[in-house]
Amino acid sequence: MKEITVSELKKLMESNIDFQLIDVREQHEVDSCAIGGEHIPMGDVMTNVDKISKTKQVIIHCKLGGRSGAICNALDSAGFDNVYNLKGGIVAWANEIDNSLKP
């Protein structure tokens, strides 16, 4: 599984590079703390693969990286070679990038 750090994601967000960010947490988690991107709950990802780009970099995140890692592995098995897990999830983002967030 390919991974990306929160500092690498921040650089992507600040650049003009086109990428897709997908949050696989549950709705109540997104409602309390989010960093942007599309919300596709973990249980709905595999039935919504048509919403996931096959041509640009796709970064999947959750709270700590476990759920998003499982989704990355499932998407890898489904033929996606452009998906990256956000290492440490939104908790790492809150700790290293924006400590005003409370995941």
C-alpha atoms as a PDB file:
ATOM      1  CA  MET A   1       0.000   0.000   0.000  1.00  0.00           C
ATOM      2  CA  LYS A   2       1.258   3.447  -0.891  1.00  0.00           C
ATOM      3  CA  GLU A   3       1.126   6.129   1.780  1.00  0.00           C
ATOM      4  CA  ILE A   4       1.421   9.889   1.959  1.00  0.00           C
ATOM      5  CA  THR A   5       2.254  11.956   5.026  1.00  0.00           C
ATOM      6  CA  VAL A   6       0.193  14.886   6.240  1.00  0.00           C
ATOM      7  CA  SER A   7       2.994  17.305   5.333  1.00  0.00           C
ATOM      8  CA  GLU A   8       3.035  15.901   1.784  1.00  0.00           C
ATOM      9  CA  LEU A   9      -0.756  16.300   1.622  1.00  0.00           C
ATOM     10  CA  LYS A  10      -0.491  19.895   2.809  1.00  0.00           C
ATOM     11  CA  LYS A  11       1.989  20.617   0.001  1.00  0.00           C
ATOM     12  CA  LEU A  12      -0.415  19.038  -2.504  1.00  0.00           C
ATOM     13  CA  MET A  13      -3.260  21.190  -1.198  1.00  0.00           C
ATOM     14  CA  GLU A  14      -1.117  24.314  -1.573  1.00  0.00           C
ATOM     15  CA  SER A  15      -0.071  23.422  -5.130  1.00  0.00           C
ATOM     16  CA  ASN A  16      -1.975  23.480  -8.399  1.00  0.00           C
ATOM     17  CA  ILE A  17      -1.824  19.699  -8.682  1.00  0.00           C
ATOM     18  CA  ASP A  18      -5.205  18.092  -9.318  1.00  0.00           C
ATOM     19  CA  PHE A  19      -5.859  15.218  -6.912  1.00  0.00           C
ATOM     20  CA  GLN A  20      -8.825  13.610  -5.189  1.00  0.00           C
ATOM     21  CA  LEU A  21      -9.191  13.478  -1.402  1.00  0.00           C
ATOM     22  CA  ILE A  22     -11.696  10.989   0.007  1.00  0.00           C
ATOM     23  CA  ASP A  23     -12.783  10.810   3.650  1.00  0.00           C
ATOM     24  CA  VAL A  24     -14.066   7.327   4.550  1.00  0.00           C
ATOM     25  CA  ARG A  25     -15.154   8.114   8.122  1.00  0.00           C
ATOM     26  CA  GLU A  26     -18.771   8.048   9.244  1.00  0.00           C
ATOM     27  CA  GLN A  27     -20.970  11.131   8.845  1.00  0.00           C
ATOM     28  CA  HIS A  28     -20.871  12.109  12.539  1.00  0.00           C
ATOM     29  CA  GLU A  29     -17.055  12.076  12.417  1.00  0.00           C
ATOM     30  CA  VAL A  30     -17.021  14.313   9.345  1.00  0.00           C
ATOM     31  CA  ASP A  31     -19.555  16.660  10.941  1.00  0.00           C
ATOM     32  CA  SER A  32     -17.298  17.238  13.955  1.00  0.00           C
ATOM     33  CA  CYS A  33     -13.973  17.592  12.114  1.00  0.00           C
ATOM     34  CA  ALA A  34     -12.998  17.642   8.431  1.00  0.00           C
ATOM     35  CA  ILE A  35     -10.147  18.698   6.149  1.00  0.00           C
ATOM     36  CA  GLY A  36     -12.137  18.837   2.922  1.00  0.00           C
ATOM     37  CA  GLY A  37     -12.507  16.362   0.130  1.00  0.00           C
ATOM     38  CA  GLU A  38     -15.310  14.009  -0.769  1.00  0.00           C
ATOM     39  CA  HIS A  39     -17.116  11.998   1.854  1.00  0.00           C
ATOM     40  CA  ILE A  40     -17.704   8.357   0.937  1.00  0.00           C
ATOM     41  CA  PRO A  41     -18.218   6.267   4.101  1.00  0.00           C
ATOM     42  CA  MET A  42     -16.079   3.131   4.266  1.00  0.00           C
ATOM     43  CA  GLY A  43     -19.074   0.830   3.814  1.00  0.00           C
ATOM     44  CA  ASP A  44     -20.086   2.627   0.616  1.00  0.00           C
ATOM     45  CA  VAL A  45     -16.726   2.921  -1.154  1.00  0.00           C
ATOM     46  CA  MET A  46     -16.779  -0.304  -3.155  1.00  0.00           C
ATOM     47  CA  THR A  47     -20.266   0.422  -4.496  1.00  0.00           C
ATOM     48  CA  ASN A  48     -19.133   3.917  -5.506  1.00  0.00           C
ATOM     49  CA  VAL A  49     -15.889   3.137  -7.341  1.00  0.00           C
ATOM     50  CA  ASP A  50     -17.247   5.090 -10.307  1.00  0.00           C
ATOM     51  CA  LYS A  51     -16.738   8.250  -8.206  1.00  0.00           C
ATOM     52  CA  ILE A  52     -13.032   7.492  -7.712  1.00  0.00           C
ATOM     53  CA  SER A  53     -10.563   8.755 -10.288  1.00  0.00           C
ATOM     54  CA  LYS A  54      -8.354   6.264 -12.079  1.00  0.00           C
ATOM     55  CA  THR A  55      -6.225   8.987 -13.647  1.00  0.00           C
ATOM     56  CA  LYS A  56      -5.217  11.354 -10.853  1.00  0.00           C
ATOM     57  CA  GLN A  57      -3.714  10.740  -7.434  1.00  0.00           C
ATOM     58  CA  VAL A  58      -6.356   9.664  -4.920  1.00  0.00           C
ATOM     59  CA  ILE A  59      -5.706  10.112  -1.209  1.00  0.00           C
ATOM     60  CA  ILE A  60      -7.928   8.206   1.204  1.00  0.00           C
ATOM     61  CA  HIS A  61      -8.156   9.177   4.859  1.00  0.00           C
ATOM     62  CA  CYS A  62      -9.942   8.262   8.065  1.00  0.00           C
ATOM     63  CA  LYS A  63      -9.255   9.014  11.711  1.00  0.00           C
ATOM     64  CA  LEU A  64      -5.978   7.100  12.228  1.00  0.00           C
ATOM     65  CA  GLY A  65      -5.256   5.371   8.911  1.00  0.00           C
ATOM     66  CA  GLY A  66      -6.627   1.879   9.541  1.00  0.00           C
ATOM     67  CA  ARG A  67      -9.936   2.112   7.730  1.00  0.00           C
ATOM     68  CA  SER A  68      -8.446   4.106   4.877  1.00  0.00           C
ATOM     69  CA  GLY A  69      -5.639   1.545   4.631  1.00  0.00           C
ATOM     70  CA  ALA A  70      -8.170  -1.248   4.258  1.00  0.00           C
ATOM     71  CA  ILE A  71      -9.949   0.732   1.534  1.00  0.00           C
ATOM     72  CA  CYS A  72      -6.641   1.384  -0.251  1.00  0.00           C
ATOM     73  CA  ASN A  73      -5.919  -2.358  -0.229  1.00  0.00           C
ATOM     74  CA  ALA A  74      -9.401  -3.140  -1.567  1.00  0.00           C
ATOM     75  CA  LEU A  75      -9.049  -0.531  -4.311  1.00  0.00           C
ATOM     76  CA  ASP A  76      -5.572  -1.848  -5.176  1.00  0.00           C
ATOM     77  CA  SER A  77      -7.144  -5.297  -5.596  1.00  0.00           C
ATOM     78  CA  ALA A  78      -9.858  -3.760  -7.773  1.00  0.00           C
ATOM     79  CA  GLY A  79      -7.244  -2.416 -10.187  1.00  0.00           C
ATOM     80  CA  PHE A  80      -6.575   1.072  -8.859  1.00  0.00           C
ATOM     81  CA  ASP A  81      -2.855   1.881  -8.850  1.00  0.00           C
ATOM     82  CA  ASN A  82      -3.209   5.541  -7.914  1.00  0.00           C
ATOM     83  CA  VAL A  83      -4.527   5.378  -4.334  1.00  0.00           C
ATOM     84  CA  TYR A  84      -2.581   6.497  -1.271  1.00  0.00           C
ATOM     85  CA  ASN A  85      -3.383   6.107   2.405  1.00  0.00           C
ATOM     86  CA  LEU A  86      -2.979   9.229   4.572  1.00  0.00           C
ATOM     87  CA  LYS A  87      -0.517   8.014   7.179  1.00  0.00           C
ATOM     88  CA  GLY A  88      -1.902   8.702  10.667  1.00  0.00           C
ATOM     89  CA  GLY A  89      -5.205  10.019   9.303  1.00  0.00           C
ATOM     90  CA  ILE A  90      -6.908  13.175  10.446  1.00  0.00           C
ATOM     91  CA  VAL A  91      -5.388  12.749  13.920  1.00  0.00           C
ATOM     92  CA  ALA A  92      -1.914  13.223  12.423  1.00  0.00           C
ATOM     93  CA  TRP A  93      -3.248  16.226  10.480  1.00  0.00           C
ATOM     94  CA  ALA A  94      -4.552  17.753  13.734  1.00  0.00           C
ATOM     95  CA  ASN A  95      -1.289  17.027  15.564  1.00  0.00           C
ATOM     96  CA  GLU A  96       1.119  18.192  12.863  1.00  0.00           C
ATOM     97  CA  ILE A  97      -0.739  20.701  10.650  1.00  0.00           C
ATOM     98  CA  ASP A  98      -3.812  22.205  12.318  1.00  0.00           C
ATOM     99  CA  ASN A  99      -4.058  21.744  16.069  1.00  0.00           C
ATOM    100  CA  SER A 100      -7.337  23.652  16.180  1.00  0.00           C
ATOM    101  CA  LEU A 101      -9.043  20.467  14.916  1.00  0.00           C
ATOM    102  CA  LYS A 102     -10.349  18.009  17.473  1.00  0.00           C
ATOM    103  CA  PRO A 103     -10.874  14.621  15.760  1.00  0.00           C
END
